Amino acid sequence: MEDFTLELSYSIDEDARFGHKAEDSSFFGYKTHIAMSDERIITASVVTTGEKNDGNIYRN
């Protein structure tokens, strides 16, 4: 059996946050939210930290 070394790296980005793609899947970083027209043309985009909800962020 071969020996192996497990190396973990941690981000030093103080603004990034943990988010979840699914109940059992997470990530560390950011999300990109886009708004599209009926013709599927991107009309707006916003980058948020990973923990933000995927709901409609363009509403006030």
PDB file of N, CA and C in Angstrom:
ATOM      1  N   MET A   1       0.851  -1.184   0.000  1.00  0.00           N
ATOM      2  CA  MET A   1       0.000   0.000   0.000  1.00  0.00           C
ATOM      3  C   MET A   1       0.893   1.243   0.000  1.00  0.00           C
ATOM      4  N   GLU A   2       0.597   2.154  -0.891  1.00  0.00           N
ATOM      5  CA  GLU A   2       1.409   3.362  -0.989  1.00  0.00           C
ATOM      6  C   GLU A   2       0.980   4.389   0.048  1.00  0.00           C
ATOM      7  N   ASP A   3       1.966   5.103   0.567  1.00  0.00           N
ATOM      8  CA  ASP A   3       1.665   6.217   1.459  1.00  0.00           C
ATOM      9  C   ASP A   3       1.307   7.431   0.608  1.00  0.00           C
ATOM     10  N   PHE A   4       0.458   8.258   1.137  1.00  0.00           N
ATOM     11  CA  PHE A   4       0.131   9.494   0.436  1.00  0.00           C
ATOM     12  C   PHE A   4      -0.033  10.608   1.448  1.00  0.00           C
ATOM     13  N   THR A   5       0.136  11.808   0.975  1.00  0.00           N
ATOM     14  CA  THR A   5      -0.013  12.993   1.811  1.00  0.00           C
ATOM     15  C   THR A   5      -1.234  13.758   1.357  1.00  0.00           C
ATOM     16  N   LEU A   6      -2.070  14.077   2.301  1.00  0.00           N
ATOM     17  CA  LEU A   6      -3.256  14.880   2.006  1.00  0.00           C
ATOM     18  C   LEU A   6      -2.915  16.325   2.303  1.00  0.00           C
ATOM     19  N   GLU A   7      -3.014  17.161   1.291  1.00  0.00           N
ATOM     20  CA  GLU A   7      -2.707  18.578   1.464  1.00  0.00           C
ATOM     21  C   GLU A   7      -3.981  19.378   1.337  1.00  0.00           C
ATOM     22  N   LEU A   8      -4.272  20.169   2.332  1.00  0.00           N
ATOM     23  CA  LEU A   8      -5.432  21.042   2.307  1.00  0.00           C
ATOM     24  C   LEU A   8      -4.959  22.474   2.152  1.00  0.00           C
ATOM     25  N   SER A   9      -5.623  23.204   1.299  1.00  0.00           N
ATOM     26  CA  SER A   9      -5.293  24.617   1.165  1.00  0.00           C
ATOM     27  C   SER A   9      -6.519  25.428   1.558  1.00  0.00           C
ATOM     28  N   TYR A  10      -6.297  26.487   2.239  1.00  0.00           N
ATOM     29  CA  TYR A  10      -7.372  27.357   2.693  1.00  0.00           C
ATOM     30  C   TYR A  10      -7.240  28.705   2.015  1.00  0.00           C
ATOM     31  N   SER A  11      -8.350  29.253   1.616  1.00  0.00           N
ATOM     32  CA  SER A  11      -8.351  30.551   0.966  1.00  0.00           C
ATOM     33  C   SER A  11      -8.066  31.640   1.989  1.00  0.00           C
ATOM     34  N   ILE A  12      -7.355  32.631   1.553  1.00  0.00           N
ATOM     35  CA  ILE A  12      -7.129  33.789   2.419  1.00  0.00           C
ATOM     36  C   ILE A  12      -8.060  34.935   2.043  1.00  0.00           C
ATOM     37  N   ASP A  13      -9.009  34.646   1.152  1.00  0.00           N
ATOM     38  CA  ASP A  13      -9.983  35.649   0.728  1.00  0.00           C
ATOM     39  C   ASP A  13     -10.972  35.876   1.871  1.00  0.00           C
ATOM     40  N   GLU A  14     -10.871  37.010   2.510  1.00  0.00           N
ATOM     41  CA  GLU A  14     -11.705  37.306   3.680  1.00  0.00           C
ATOM     42  C   GLU A  14     -13.157  37.601   3.311  1.00  0.00           C
ATOM     43  N   ASP A  15     -13.438  37.867   2.034  1.00  0.00           N
ATOM     44  CA  ASP A  15     -14.802  38.192   1.608  1.00  0.00           C
ATOM     45  C   ASP A  15     -15.593  36.970   1.146  1.00  0.00           C
ATOM     46  N   ALA A  16     -14.924  35.905   0.753  1.00  0.00           N
ATOM     47  CA  ALA A  16     -15.605  34.703   0.272  1.00  0.00           C
ATOM     48  C   ALA A  16     -16.335  34.016   1.427  1.00  0.00           C
ATOM     49  N   ARG A  17     -17.420  33.291   1.091  1.00  0.00           N
ATOM     50  CA  ARG A  17     -18.222  32.604   2.098  1.00  0.00           C
ATOM     51  C   ARG A  17     -18.600  31.210   1.597  1.00  0.00           C
ATOM     52  N   PHE A  18     -18.980  30.332   2.535  1.00  0.00           N
ATOM     53  CA  PHE A  18     -19.451  28.999   2.173  1.00  0.00           C
ATOM     54  C   PHE A  18     -20.889  29.078   1.695  1.00  0.00           C
ATOM     55  N   GLY A  19     -21.169  28.380   0.608  1.00  0.00           N
ATOM     56  CA  GLY A  19     -22.516  28.279   0.081  1.00  0.00           C
ATOM     57  C   GLY A  19     -22.834  26.820  -0.181  1.00  0.00           C
ATOM     58  N   HIS A  20     -24.071  26.549  -0.556  1.00  0.00           N
ATOM     59  CA  HIS A  20     -24.509  25.179  -0.806  1.00  0.00           C
ATOM     60  C   HIS A  20     -25.155  25.077  -2.172  1.00  0.00           C
ATOM     61  N   LYS A  21     -24.693  24.111  -2.958  1.00  0.00           N
ATOM     62  CA  LYS A  21     -25.320  23.819  -4.244  1.00  0.00           C
ATOM     63  C   LYS A  21     -26.486  22.866  -4.041  1.00  0.00           C
ATOM     64  N   ALA A  22     -26.355  21.997  -3.072  1.00  0.00           N
ATOM     65  CA  ALA A  22     -27.397  21.036  -2.707  1.00  0.00           C
ATOM     66  C   ALA A  22     -27.242  20.770  -1.216  1.00  0.00           C
ATOM     67  N   GLU A  23     -28.153  20.000  -0.666  1.00  0.00           N
ATOM     68  CA  GLU A  23     -28.122  19.733   0.763  1.00  0.00           C
ATOM     69  C   GLU A  23     -26.810  19.079   1.194  1.00  0.00           C
ATOM     70  N   ASP A  24     -26.222  18.264   0.318  1.00  0.00           N
ATOM     71  CA  ASP A  24     -24.991  17.563   0.665  1.00  0.00           C
ATOM     72  C   ASP A  24     -23.778  18.030  -0.137  1.00  0.00           C
ATOM     73  N   SER A  25     -23.872  19.199  -0.774  1.00  0.00           N
ATOM     74  CA  SER A  25     -22.783  19.715  -1.601  1.00  0.00           C
ATOM     75  C   SER A  25     -22.554  21.193  -1.282  1.00  0.00           C
ATOM     76  N   SER A  26     -21.342  21.529  -0.879  1.00  0.00           N
ATOM     77  CA  SER A  26     -21.045  22.929  -0.554  1.00  0.00           C
ATOM     78  C   SER A  26     -19.834  23.412  -1.345  1.00  0.00           C
ATOM     79  N   PHE A  27     -19.618  24.706  -1.305  1.00  0.00           N
ATOM     80  CA  PHE A  27     -18.474  25.316  -1.980  1.00  0.00           C
ATOM     81  C   PHE A  27     -18.055  26.549  -1.190  1.00  0.00           C
ATOM     82  N   PHE A  28     -16.868  27.044  -1.459  1.00  0.00           N
ATOM     83  CA  PHE A  28     -16.353  28.253  -0.822  1.00  0.00           C
ATOM     84  C   PHE A  28     -16.054  29.255  -1.914  1.00  0.00           C
ATOM     85  N   GLY A  29     -16.683  30.423  -1.854  1.00  0.00           N
ATOM     86  CA  GLY A  29     -16.406  31.424  -2.877  1.00  0.00           C
ATOM     87  C   GLY A  29     -17.540  32.387  -3.094  1.00  0.00           C
ATOM     88  N   TYR A  30     -17.900  32.542  -4.367  1.00  0.00           N
ATOM     89  CA  TYR A  30     -18.863  33.549  -4.785  1.00  0.00           C
ATOM     90  C   TYR A  30     -19.908  32.946  -5.704  1.00  0.00           C
ATOM     91  N   LYS A  31     -20.998  33.685  -5.920  1.00  0.00           N
ATOM     92  CA  LYS A  31     -22.032  33.325  -6.876  1.00  0.00           C
ATOM     93  C   LYS A  31     -22.203  34.475  -7.863  1.00  0.00           C
ATOM     94  N   THR A  32     -22.540  34.119  -9.090  1.00  0.00           N
ATOM     95  CA  THR A  32     -22.897  35.113 -10.095  1.00  0.00           C
ATOM     96  C   THR A  32     -24.379  34.964 -10.375  1.00  0.00           C
ATOM     97  N   HIS A  33     -25.124  36.045 -10.213  1.00  0.00           N
ATOM     98  CA  HIS A  33     -26.569  36.059 -10.465  1.00  0.00           C
ATOM     99  C   HIS A  33     -26.786  36.883 -11.731  1.00  0.00           C
ATOM    100  N   ILE A  34     -27.596  36.353 -12.640  1.00  0.00           N
ATOM    101  CA  ILE A  34     -27.857  37.093 -13.874  1.00  0.00           C
ATOM    102  C   ILE A  34     -29.353  37.276 -14.076  1.00  0.00           C
ATOM    103  N   ALA A  35     -29.706  38.355 -14.747  1.00  0.00           N
ATOM    104  CA  ALA A  35     -31.080  38.610 -15.181  1.00  0.00           C
ATOM    105  C   ALA A  35     -31.079  38.530 -16.702  1.00  0.00           C
ATOM    106  N   MET A  36     -32.115  37.877 -17.251  1.00  0.00           N
ATOM    107  CA  MET A  36     -32.185  37.710 -18.701  1.00  0.00           C
ATOM    108  C   MET A  36     -33.534  38.160 -19.225  1.00  0.00           C
ATOM    109  N   SER A  37     -33.523  38.651 -20.438  1.00  0.00           N
ATOM    110  CA  SER A  37     -34.775  39.025 -21.105  1.00  0.00           C
ATOM    111  C   SER A  37     -35.452  37.758 -21.627  1.00  0.00           C
ATOM    112  N   ASP A  38     -36.659  37.916 -22.143  1.00  0.00           N
ATOM    113  CA  ASP A  38     -37.377  36.782 -22.737  1.00  0.00           C
ATOM    114  C   ASP A  38     -36.610  36.198 -23.926  1.00  0.00           C
ATOM    115  N   GLU A  39     -35.785  37.012 -24.546  1.00  0.00           N
ATOM    116  CA  GLU A  39     -34.976  36.558 -25.686  1.00  0.00           C
ATOM    117  C   GLU A  39     -33.674  35.907 -25.224  1.00  0.00           C
ATOM    118  N   ARG A  40     -33.520  35.747 -23.908  1.00  0.00           N
ATOM    119  CA  ARG A  40     -32.346  35.125 -23.281  1.00  0.00           C
ATOM    120  C   ARG A  40     -31.077  35.968 -23.443  1.00  0.00           C
ATOM    121  N   ILE A  41     -31.256  37.267 -23.447  1.00  0.00           N
ATOM    122  CA  ILE A  41     -30.131  38.199 -23.462  1.00  0.00           C
ATOM    123  C   ILE A  41     -29.886  38.637 -22.022  1.00  0.00           C
ATOM    124  N   ILE A  42     -28.633  38.559 -21.576  1.00  0.00           N
ATOM    125  CA  ILE A  42     -28.305  38.971 -20.212  1.00  0.00           C
ATOM    126  C   ILE A  42     -28.444  40.488 -20.115  1.00  0.00           C
ATOM    127  N   THR A  43     -29.278  40.929 -19.170  1.00  0.00           N
ATOM    128  CA  THR A  43     -29.542  42.354 -19.011  1.00  0.00           C
ATOM    129  C   THR A  43     -28.910  42.931 -17.745  1.00  0.00           C
ATOM    130  N   ALA A  44     -28.503  42.068 -16.816  1.00  0.00           N
ATOM    131  CA  ALA A  44     -27.852  42.533 -15.585  1.00  0.00           C
ATOM    132  C   ALA A  44     -27.121  41.360 -14.952  1.00  0.00           C
ATOM    133  N   SER A  45     -26.101  41.665 -14.173  1.00  0.00           N
ATOM    134  CA  SER A  45     -25.409  40.624 -13.420  1.00  0.00           C
ATOM    135  C   SER A  45     -24.889  41.209 -12.112  1.00  0.00           C
ATOM    136  N   VAL A  46     -24.838  40.355 -11.109  1.00  0.00           N
ATOM    137  CA  VAL A  46     -24.349  40.742  -9.787  1.00  0.00           C
ATOM    138  C   VAL A  46     -23.543  39.574  -9.233  1.00  0.00           C
ATOM    139  N   VAL A  47     -22.408  39.867  -8.635  1.00  0.00           N
ATOM    140  CA  VAL A  47     -21.616  38.846  -7.959  1.00  0.00           C
ATOM    141  C   VAL A  47     -21.822  39.026  -6.463  1.00  0.00           C
ATOM    142  N   THR A  48     -22.172  37.917  -5.773  1.00  0.00           N
ATOM    143  CA  THR A  48     -22.379  37.959  -4.329  1.00  0.00           C
ATOM    144  C   THR A  48     -21.505  36.895  -3.668  1.00  0.00           C
ATOM    145  N   THR A  49     -21.414  36.958  -2.367  1.00  0.00           N
ATOM    146  CA  THR A  49     -20.696  35.921  -1.632  1.00  0.00           C
ATOM    147  C   THR A  49     -21.510  34.630  -1.668  1.00  0.00           C
ATOM    148  N   GLY A  50     -20.858  33.516  -1.403  1.00  0.00           N
ATOM    149  CA  GLY A  50     -21.460  32.202  -1.583  1.00  0.00           C
ATOM    150  C   GLY A  50     -22.696  31.905  -0.775  1.00  0.00           C
ATOM    151  N   GLU A  51     -22.882  32.560   0.373  1.00  0.00           N
ATOM    152  CA  GLU A  51     -24.020  32.211   1.231  1.00  0.00           C
ATOM    153  C   GLU A  51     -25.326  32.867   0.818  1.00  0.00           C
ATOM    154  N   LYS A  52     -25.304  33.765  -0.149  1.00  0.00           N
ATOM    155  CA  LYS A  52     -26.525  34.459  -0.569  1.00  0.00           C
ATOM    156  C   LYS A  52     -27.525  33.499  -1.200  1.00  0.00           C
ATOM    157  N   ASN A  53     -28.804  33.764  -0.976  1.00  0.00           N
ATOM    158  CA  ASN A  53     -29.893  32.961  -1.507  1.00  0.00           C
ATOM    159  C   ASN A  53     -29.954  33.109  -3.025  1.00  0.00           C
ATOM    160  N   ASP A  54     -30.394  32.064  -3.711  1.00  0.00           N
ATOM    161  CA  ASP A  54     -30.530  32.106  -5.169  1.00  0.00           C
ATOM    162  C   ASP A  54     -31.823  32.749  -5.634  1.00  0.00           C
ATOM    163  N   GLY A  55     -32.608  33.281  -4.714  1.00  0.00           N
ATOM    164  CA  GLY A  55     -33.876  33.931  -5.066  1.00  0.00           C
ATOM    165  C   GLY A  55     -33.639  35.172  -5.912  1.00  0.00           C
ATOM    166  N   ASN A  56     -34.702  35.881  -6.186  1.00  0.00           N
ATOM    167  CA  ASN A  56     -34.627  37.070  -7.030  1.00  0.00           C
ATOM    168  C   ASN A  56     -33.945  38.209  -6.274  1.00  0.00           C
ATOM    169  N   ILE A  57     -32.691  38.443  -6.533  1.00  0.00           N
ATOM    170  CA  ILE A  57     -31.941  39.486  -5.823  1.00  0.00           C
ATOM    171  C   ILE A  57     -32.137  40.862  -6.435  1.00  0.00           C
ATOM    172  N   TYR A  58     -32.816  40.930  -7.592  1.00  0.00           N
ATOM    173  CA  TYR A  58     -33.014  42.202  -8.274  1.00  0.00           C
ATOM    174  C   TYR A  58     -34.221  42.960  -7.765  1.00  0.00           C
ATOM    175  N   ARG A  59     -35.050  42.307  -6.962  1.00  0.00           N
ATOM    176  CA  ARG A  59     -36.211  43.005  -6.397  1.00  0.00           C
ATOM    177  C   ARG A  59     -35.779  43.791  -5.156  1.00  0.00           C
ATOM    178  N   ASN A  60     -36.446  44.893  -4.923  1.00  0.00           N
ATOM    179  CA  ASN A  60     -36.135  45.716  -3.723  1.00  0.00           C
ATOM    180  C   ASN A  60     -36.832  45.182  -2.512  1.00  0.00           C
TER     181      ASN A  60
END
